[in-house]
Amino acid sequence: MKLKATAELWQKGNWCIAKLPELDFVAQGKTIDEAKANLVEVAHIQFAEMKELGTLKEYLQDAGTCSKNEKGGCYDIY
């Protein structure tokens, strides 16, 4: 699955924070690269858990990140 999202990065004290605002995912690291890598890991873990629970399509639809099909659901994203 490919998904375009905006990554916001900022420094807070000794930590770098990374956020995907469209998905409300946040991670941190001691460097920008570490924060970005941790954010990717958070996204992978969250998507895997939501897929396992059967809630991924609904989550992406609610976040406005998937195209709706004619029945109002998300197009198949797998």
PDB file of N, CA and C in Angstrom:
ATOM      1  N   MET A   1       0.849  -1.170   0.000  1.00  0.00           N
ATOM      2  CA  MET A   1       0.000   0.000   0.000  1.00  0.00           C
ATOM      3  C   MET A   1       0.895   1.233   0.000  1.00  0.00           C
ATOM      4  N   LYS A   2       0.548   2.193  -0.817  1.00  0.00           N
ATOM      5  CA  LYS A   2       1.240   3.472  -0.825  1.00  0.00           C
ATOM      6  C   LYS A   2       0.252   4.544  -0.401  1.00  0.00           C
ATOM      7  N   LEU A   3       0.736   5.471   0.399  1.00  0.00           N
ATOM      8  CA  LEU A   3      -0.103   6.528   0.927  1.00  0.00           C
ATOM      9  C   LEU A   3       0.734   7.786   1.032  1.00  0.00           C
ATOM     10  N   LYS A   4       0.240   8.866   0.481  1.00  0.00           N
ATOM     11  CA  LYS A   4       0.944  10.139   0.604  1.00  0.00           C
ATOM     12  C   LYS A   4       0.450  10.841   1.853  1.00  0.00           C
ATOM     13  N   ALA A   5       1.392  11.347   2.633  1.00  0.00           N
ATOM     14  CA  ALA A   5       1.056  12.070   3.853  1.00  0.00           C
ATOM     15  C   ALA A   5       2.119  13.135   4.092  1.00  0.00           C
ATOM     16  N   THR A   6       1.761  14.122   4.871  1.00  0.00           N
ATOM     17  CA  THR A   6       2.664  15.210   5.213  1.00  0.00           C
ATOM     18  C   THR A   6       3.383  14.861   6.512  1.00  0.00           C
ATOM     19  N   ALA A   7       4.694  14.931   6.516  1.00  0.00           N
ATOM     20  CA  ALA A   7       5.462  14.715   7.743  1.00  0.00           C
ATOM     21  C   ALA A   7       5.850  16.079   8.316  1.00  0.00           C
ATOM     22  N   GLU A   8       5.465  16.300   9.555  1.00  0.00           N
ATOM     23  CA  GLU A   8       5.867  17.507  10.268  1.00  0.00           C
ATOM     24  C   GLU A   8       6.985  17.121  11.221  1.00  0.00           C
ATOM     25  N   LEU A   9       8.056  17.893  11.224  1.00  0.00           N
ATOM     26  CA  LEU A   9       9.218  17.611  12.071  1.00  0.00           C
ATOM     27  C   LEU A   9       9.588  18.861  12.845  1.00  0.00           C
ATOM     28  N   TRP A  10       9.885  18.696  14.137  1.00  0.00           N
ATOM     29  CA  TRP A  10      10.345  19.822  14.925  1.00  0.00           C
ATOM     30  C   TRP A  10      11.181  19.331  16.103  1.00  0.00           C
ATOM     31  N   GLN A  11      11.950  20.252  16.644  1.00  0.00           N
ATOM     32  CA  GLN A  11      12.824  19.972  17.785  1.00  0.00           C
ATOM     33  C   GLN A  11      12.091  20.392  19.051  1.00  0.00           C
ATOM     34  N   LYS A  12      12.119  19.544  20.068  1.00  0.00           N
ATOM     35  CA  LYS A  12      11.551  19.885  21.377  1.00  0.00           C
ATOM     36  C   LYS A  12      12.558  19.432  22.428  1.00  0.00           C
ATOM     37  N   GLY A  13      13.296  20.388  22.944  1.00  0.00           N
ATOM     38  CA  GLY A  13      14.358  20.051  23.881  1.00  0.00           C
ATOM     39  C   GLY A  13      15.425  19.227  23.179  1.00  0.00           C
ATOM     40  N   ASN A  14      15.750  18.081  23.743  1.00  0.00           N
ATOM     41  CA  ASN A  14      16.759  17.198  23.151  1.00  0.00           C
ATOM     42  C   ASN A  14      16.165  16.217  22.152  1.00  0.00           C
ATOM     43  N   TRP A  15      14.884  16.295  21.898  1.00  0.00           N
ATOM     44  CA  TRP A  15      14.199  15.323  21.043  1.00  0.00           C
ATOM     45  C   TRP A  15      13.727  15.950  19.737  1.00  0.00           C
ATOM     46  N   CYS A  16      13.722  15.153  18.696  1.00  0.00           N
ATOM     47  CA  CYS A  16      13.107  15.528  17.427  1.00  0.00           C
ATOM     48  C   CYS A  16      11.770  14.800  17.371  1.00  0.00           C
ATOM     49  N   ILE A  17      10.738  15.516  17.007  1.00  0.00           N
ATOM     50  CA  ILE A  17       9.389  14.967  16.944  1.00  0.00           C
ATOM     51  C   ILE A  17       8.994  14.877  15.477  1.00  0.00           C
ATOM     52  N   ALA A  18       8.348  13.786  15.117  1.00  0.00           N
ATOM     53  CA  ALA A  18       7.838  13.589  13.755  1.00  0.00           C
ATOM     54  C   ALA A  18       6.357  13.241  13.860  1.00  0.00           C
ATOM     55  N   LYS A  19       5.549  13.855  13.004  1.00  0.00           N
ATOM     56  CA  LYS A  19       4.102  13.646  13.064  1.00  0.00           C
ATOM     57  C   LYS A  19       3.527  13.542  11.657  1.00  0.00           C
ATOM     58  N   LEU A  20       2.594  12.626  11.476  1.00  0.00           N
ATOM     59  CA  LEU A  20       1.771  12.555  10.265  1.00  0.00           C
ATOM     60  C   LEU A  20       0.393  13.078  10.660  1.00  0.00           C
ATOM     61  N   PRO A  21       0.124  14.366  10.437  1.00  0.00           N
ATOM     62  CA  PRO A  21      -1.121  14.943  10.935  1.00  0.00           C
ATOM     63  C   PRO A  21      -2.380  14.323  10.339  1.00  0.00           C
ATOM     64  N   GLU A  22      -2.330  13.880   9.087  1.00  0.00           N
ATOM     65  CA  GLU A  22      -3.509  13.281   8.464  1.00  0.00           C
ATOM     66  C   GLU A  22      -3.936  12.004   9.187  1.00  0.00           C
ATOM     67  N   LEU A  23      -2.961  11.313   9.753  1.00  0.00           N
ATOM     68  CA  LEU A  23      -3.234  10.025  10.395  1.00  0.00           C
ATOM     69  C   LEU A  23      -3.126  10.093  11.916  1.00  0.00           C
ATOM     70  N   ASP A  24      -2.680  11.221  12.435  1.00  0.00           N
ATOM     71  CA  ASP A  24      -2.500  11.427  13.868  1.00  0.00           C
ATOM     72  C   ASP A  24      -1.507  10.438  14.467  1.00  0.00           C
ATOM     73  N   PHE A  25      -0.416  10.159  13.737  1.00  0.00           N
ATOM     74  CA  PHE A  25       0.668   9.313  14.216  1.00  0.00           C
ATOM     75  C   PHE A  25       1.822  10.223  14.626  1.00  0.00           C
ATOM     76  N   VAL A  26       2.461   9.909  15.756  1.00  0.00           N
ATOM     77  CA  VAL A  26       3.570  10.712  16.265  1.00  0.00           C
ATOM     78  C   VAL A  26       4.676   9.783  16.742  1.00  0.00           C
ATOM     79  N   ALA A  27       5.923  10.199  16.533  1.00  0.00           N
ATOM     80  CA  ALA A  27       7.089   9.463  17.030  1.00  0.00           C
ATOM     81  C   ALA A  27       8.170  10.474  17.382  1.00  0.00           C
ATOM     82  N   GLN A  28       9.190  10.002  18.056  1.00  0.00           N
ATOM     83  CA  GLN A  28      10.309  10.872  18.414  1.00  0.00           C
ATOM     84  C   GLN A  28      11.619  10.131  18.253  1.00  0.00           C
ATOM     85  N   GLY A  29      12.682  10.889  18.244  1.00  0.00           N
ATOM     86  CA  GLY A  29      14.021  10.314  18.163  1.00  0.00           C
ATOM     87  C   GLY A  29      15.028  11.368  18.555  1.00  0.00           C
ATOM     88  N   LYS A  30      16.256  10.951  18.737  1.00  0.00           N
ATOM     89  CA  LYS A  30      17.309  11.897  19.123  1.00  0.00           C
ATOM     90  C   LYS A  30      17.814  12.695  17.939  1.00  0.00           C
ATOM     91  N   THR A  31      17.537  12.203  16.715  1.00  0.00           N
ATOM     92  CA  THR A  31      17.892  12.929  15.492  1.00  0.00           C
ATOM     93  C   THR A  31      16.657  12.957  14.589  1.00  0.00           C
ATOM     94  N   ILE A  32      16.694  13.822  13.581  1.00  0.00           N
ATOM     95  CA  ILE A  32      15.585  13.872  12.630  1.00  0.00           C
ATOM     96  C   ILE A  32      15.432  12.535  11.917  1.00  0.00           C
ATOM     97  N   ASP A  33      16.542  11.951  11.498  1.00  0.00           N
ATOM     98  CA  ASP A  33      16.478  10.656  10.807  1.00  0.00           C
ATOM     99  C   ASP A  33      15.890   9.566  11.696  1.00  0.00           C
ATOM    100  N   GLU A  34      16.267   9.564  12.964  1.00  0.00           N
ATOM    101  CA  GLU A  34      15.725   8.571  13.893  1.00  0.00           C
ATOM    102  C   GLU A  34      14.230   8.798  14.114  1.00  0.00           C
ATOM    103  N   ALA A  35      13.816  10.049  14.244  1.00  0.00           N
ATOM    104  CA  ALA A  35      12.390  10.356  14.427  1.00  0.00           C
ATOM    105  C   ALA A  35      11.587   9.926  13.207  1.00  0.00           C
ATOM    106  N   LYS A  36      12.109  10.192  12.002  1.00  0.00           N
ATOM    107  CA  LYS A  36      11.415   9.774  10.784  1.00  0.00           C
ATOM    108  C   LYS A  36      11.327   8.255  10.697  1.00  0.00           C
ATOM    109  N   ALA A  37      12.413   7.569  11.006  1.00  0.00           N
ATOM    110  CA  ALA A  37      12.410   6.106  10.967  1.00  0.00           C
ATOM    111  C   ALA A  37      11.424   5.543  11.987  1.00  0.00           C
ATOM    112  N   ASN A  38      11.374   6.137  13.163  1.00  0.00           N
ATOM    113  CA  ASN A  38      10.425   5.693  14.185  1.00  0.00           C
ATOM    114  C   ASN A  38       8.989   5.943  13.755  1.00  0.00           C
ATOM    115  N   LEU A  39       8.756   7.040  13.049  1.00  0.00           N
ATOM    116  CA  LEU A  39       7.416   7.339  12.558  1.00  0.00           C
ATOM    117  C   LEU A  39       6.972   6.319  11.514  1.00  0.00           C
ATOM    118  N   VAL A  40       7.870   5.936  10.641  1.00  0.00           N
ATOM    119  CA  VAL A  40       7.549   4.896   9.651  1.00  0.00           C
ATOM    120  C   VAL A  40       7.208   3.588  10.369  1.00  0.00           C
ATOM    121  N   GLU A  41       7.979   3.262  11.406  1.00  0.00           N
ATOM    122  CA  GLU A  41       7.708   2.042  12.173  1.00  0.00           C
ATOM    123  C   GLU A  41       6.344   2.115  12.858  1.00  0.00           C
ATOM    124  N   VAL A  42       6.013   3.267  13.432  1.00  0.00           N
ATOM    125  CA  VAL A  42       4.699   3.450  14.061  1.00  0.00           C
ATOM    126  C   VAL A  42       3.595   3.217  13.036  1.00  0.00           C
ATOM    127  N   ALA A  43       3.745   3.796  11.851  1.00  0.00           N
ATOM    128  CA  ALA A  43       2.729   3.636  10.806  1.00  0.00           C
ATOM    129  C   ALA A  43       2.578   2.168  10.420  1.00  0.00           C
ATOM    130  N   HIS A  44       3.695   1.467  10.233  1.00  0.00           N
ATOM    131  CA  HIS A  44       3.633   0.044   9.864  1.00  0.00           C
ATOM    132  C   HIS A  44       2.921  -0.771  10.946  1.00  0.00           C
ATOM    133  N   ILE A  45       3.264  -0.524  12.193  1.00  0.00           N
ATOM    134  CA  ILE A  45       2.645  -1.259  13.301  1.00  0.00           C
ATOM    135  C   ILE A  45       1.152  -0.950  13.387  1.00  0.00           C
ATOM    136  N   GLN A  46       0.803   0.321  13.306  1.00  0.00           N
ATOM    137  CA  GLN A  46      -0.609   0.706  13.401  1.00  0.00           C
ATOM    138  C   GLN A  46      -1.422   0.114  12.255  1.00  0.00           C
ATOM    139  N   PHE A  47      -0.888   0.206  11.027  1.00  0.00           N
ATOM    140  CA  PHE A  47      -1.608  -0.352   9.880  1.00  0.00           C
ATOM    141  C   PHE A  47      -1.774  -1.855  10.015  1.00  0.00           C
ATOM    142  N   ALA A  48      -0.731  -2.552  10.460  1.00  0.00           N
ATOM    143  CA  ALA A  48      -0.817  -4.008  10.628  1.00  0.00           C
ATOM    144  C   ALA A  48      -1.877  -4.372  11.666  1.00  0.00           C
ATOM    145  N   GLU A  49      -1.901  -3.642  12.777  1.00  0.00           N
ATOM    146  CA  GLU A  49      -2.889  -3.929  13.814  1.00  0.00           C
ATOM    147  C   GLU A  49      -4.301  -3.625  13.338  1.00  0.00           C
ATOM    148  N   MET A  50      -4.480  -2.496  12.646  1.00  0.00           N
ATOM    149  CA  MET A  50      -5.814  -2.157  12.138  1.00  0.00           C
ATOM    150  C   MET A  50      -6.267  -3.152  11.077  1.00  0.00           C
ATOM    151  N   LYS A  51      -5.335  -3.604  10.230  1.00  0.00           N
ATOM    152  CA  LYS A  51      -5.675  -4.598   9.213  1.00  0.00           C
ATOM    153  C   LYS A  51      -6.127  -5.890   9.878  1.00  0.00           C
ATOM    154  N   GLU A  52      -5.402  -6.309  10.918  1.00  0.00           N
ATOM    155  CA  GLU A  52      -5.744  -7.524  11.642  1.00  0.00           C
ATOM    156  C   GLU A  52      -7.122  -7.406  12.306  1.00  0.00           C
ATOM    157  N   LEU A  53      -7.429  -6.224  12.812  1.00  0.00           N
ATOM    158  CA  LEU A  53      -8.724  -5.995  13.464  1.00  0.00           C
ATOM    159  C   LEU A  53      -9.849  -5.735  12.463  1.00  0.00           C
ATOM    160  N   GLY A  54      -9.488  -5.530  11.197  1.00  0.00           N
ATOM    161  CA  GLY A  54     -10.487  -5.241  10.173  1.00  0.00           C
ATOM    162  C   GLY A  54     -10.977  -3.810  10.181  1.00  0.00           C
ATOM    163  N   THR A  55     -10.175  -2.887  10.723  1.00  0.00           N
ATOM    164  CA  THR A  55     -10.601  -1.486  10.829  1.00  0.00           C
ATOM    165  C   THR A  55      -9.788  -0.532   9.958  1.00  0.00           C
ATOM    166  N   LEU A  56      -8.847  -1.055   9.169  1.00  0.00           N
ATOM    167  CA  LEU A  56      -7.949  -0.186   8.406  1.00  0.00           C
ATOM    168  C   LEU A  56      -8.691   0.665   7.382  1.00  0.00           C
ATOM    169  N   LYS A  57      -9.547   0.048   6.588  1.00  0.00           N
ATOM    170  CA  LYS A  57     -10.256   0.825   5.568  1.00  0.00           C
ATOM    171  C   LYS A  57     -11.106   1.922   6.203  1.00  0.00           C
ATOM    172  N   GLU A  58     -11.795   1.597   7.281  1.00  0.00           N
ATOM    173  CA  GLU A  58     -12.632   2.587   7.958  1.00  0.00           C
ATOM    174  C   GLU A  58     -11.777   3.730   8.507  1.00  0.00           C
ATOM    175  N   TYR A  59     -10.625   3.395   9.084  1.00  0.00           N
ATOM    176  CA  TYR A  59      -9.726   4.416   9.625  1.00  0.00           C
ATOM    177  C   TYR A  59      -9.243   5.360   8.531  1.00  0.00           C
ATOM    178  N   LEU A  60      -8.798   4.789   7.415  1.00  0.00           N
ATOM    179  CA  LEU A  60      -8.306   5.614   6.310  1.00  0.00           C
ATOM    180  C   LEU A  60      -9.413   6.451   5.703  1.00  0.00           C
ATOM    181  N   GLN A  61     -10.599   5.890   5.631  1.00  0.00           N
ATOM    182  CA  GLN A  61     -11.744   6.648   5.107  1.00  0.00           C
ATOM    183  C   GLN A  61     -12.061   7.816   6.042  1.00  0.00           C
ATOM    184  N   ASP A  62     -12.098   7.563   7.351  1.00  0.00           N
ATOM    185  CA  ASP A  62     -12.380   8.624   8.321  1.00  0.00           C
ATOM    186  C   ASP A  62     -11.305   9.701   8.303  1.00  0.00           C
ATOM    187  N   ALA A  63     -10.060   9.293   8.024  1.00  0.00           N
ATOM    188  CA  ALA A  63      -8.959  10.253   7.956  1.00  0.00           C
ATOM    189  C   ALA A  63      -8.958  11.025   6.638  1.00  0.00           C
ATOM    190  N   GLY A  64      -9.803  10.599   5.691  1.00  0.00           N
ATOM    191  CA  GLY A  64      -9.879  11.273   4.401  1.00  0.00           C
ATOM    192  C   GLY A  64      -8.721  10.944   3.479  1.00  0.00           C
ATOM    193  N   THR A  65      -8.080   9.792   3.695  1.00  0.00           N
ATOM    194  CA  THR A  65      -6.909   9.452   2.900  1.00  0.00           C
ATOM    195  C   THR A  65      -7.170   8.360   1.867  1.00  0.00           C
ATOM    196  N   CYS A  66      -8.401   7.912   1.728  1.00  0.00           N
ATOM    197  CA  CYS A  66      -8.692   6.913   0.702  1.00  0.00           C
ATOM    198  C   CYS A  66      -9.867   7.380  -0.138  1.00  0.00           C
ATOM    199  N   SER A  67      -9.900   6.944  -1.371  1.00  0.00           N
ATOM    200  CA  SER A  67     -10.990   7.289  -2.274  1.00  0.00           C
ATOM    201  C   SER A  67     -12.182   6.375  -2.001  1.00  0.00           C
ATOM    202  N   LYS A  68     -13.368   6.955  -1.981  1.00  0.00           N
ATOM    203  CA  LYS A  68     -14.570   6.167  -1.746  1.00  0.00           C
ATOM    204  C   LYS A  68     -15.047   5.548  -3.047  1.00  0.00           C
ATOM    205  N   ASN A  69     -15.520   4.323  -2.936  1.00  0.00           N
ATOM    206  CA  ASN A  69     -16.112   3.680  -4.102  1.00  0.00           C
ATOM    207  C   ASN A  69     -17.598   4.016  -4.173  1.00  0.00           C
ATOM    208  N   GLU A  70     -18.285   3.477  -5.172  1.00  0.00           N
ATOM    209  CA  GLU A  70     -19.687   3.826  -5.382  1.00  0.00           C
ATOM    210  C   GLU A  70     -20.593   3.394  -4.228  1.00  0.00           C
ATOM    211  N   LYS A  71     -20.139   2.487  -3.383  1.00  0.00           N
ATOM    212  CA  LYS A  71     -20.932   2.028  -2.249  1.00  0.00           C
ATOM    213  C   LYS A  71     -20.614   2.813  -0.986  1.00  0.00           C
ATOM    214  N   GLY A  72     -19.740   3.801  -1.069  1.00  0.00           N
ATOM    215  CA  GLY A  72     -19.395   4.630   0.075  1.00  0.00           C
ATOM    216  C   GLY A  72     -18.216   4.128   0.884  1.00  0.00           C
ATOM    217  N   GLY A  73     -17.675   2.968   0.539  1.00  0.00           N
ATOM    218  CA  GLY A  73     -16.510   2.440   1.240  1.00  0.00           C
ATOM    219  C   GLY A  73     -15.242   2.814   0.509  1.00  0.00           C
ATOM    220  N   CYS A  74     -14.125   2.365   1.038  1.00  0.00           N
ATOM    221  CA  CYS A  74     -12.837   2.608   0.394  1.00  0.00           C
ATOM    222  C   CYS A  74     -12.616   1.606  -0.727  1.00  0.00           C
ATOM    223  N   TYR A  75     -11.961   2.054  -1.774  1.00  0.00           N
ATOM    224  CA  TYR A  75     -11.495   1.118  -2.772  1.00  0.00           C
ATOM    225  C   TYR A  75     -10.529   0.150  -2.121  1.00  0.00           C
ATOM    226  N   ASP A  76     -10.421  -1.018  -2.665  1.00  0.00           N
ATOM    227  CA  ASP A  76      -9.502  -2.012  -2.125  1.00  0.00           C
ATOM    228  C   ASP A  76      -8.091  -1.443  -2.133  1.00  0.00           C
ATOM    229  N   ILE A  77      -7.429  -1.421  -0.971  1.00  0.00           N
ATOM    230  CA  ILE A  77      -6.108  -0.811  -0.868  1.00  0.00           C
ATOM    231  C   ILE A  77      -5.031  -1.851  -0.624  1.00  0.00           C
ATOM    232  N   TYR A  78      -5.323  -3.106  -0.665  1.00  0.00           N
ATOM    233  CA  TYR A  78      -4.353  -4.150  -0.337  1.00  0.00           C
ATOM    234  C   TYR A  78      -3.755  -4.693  -1.608  1.00  0.00           C
TER     235      TYR A  78
END
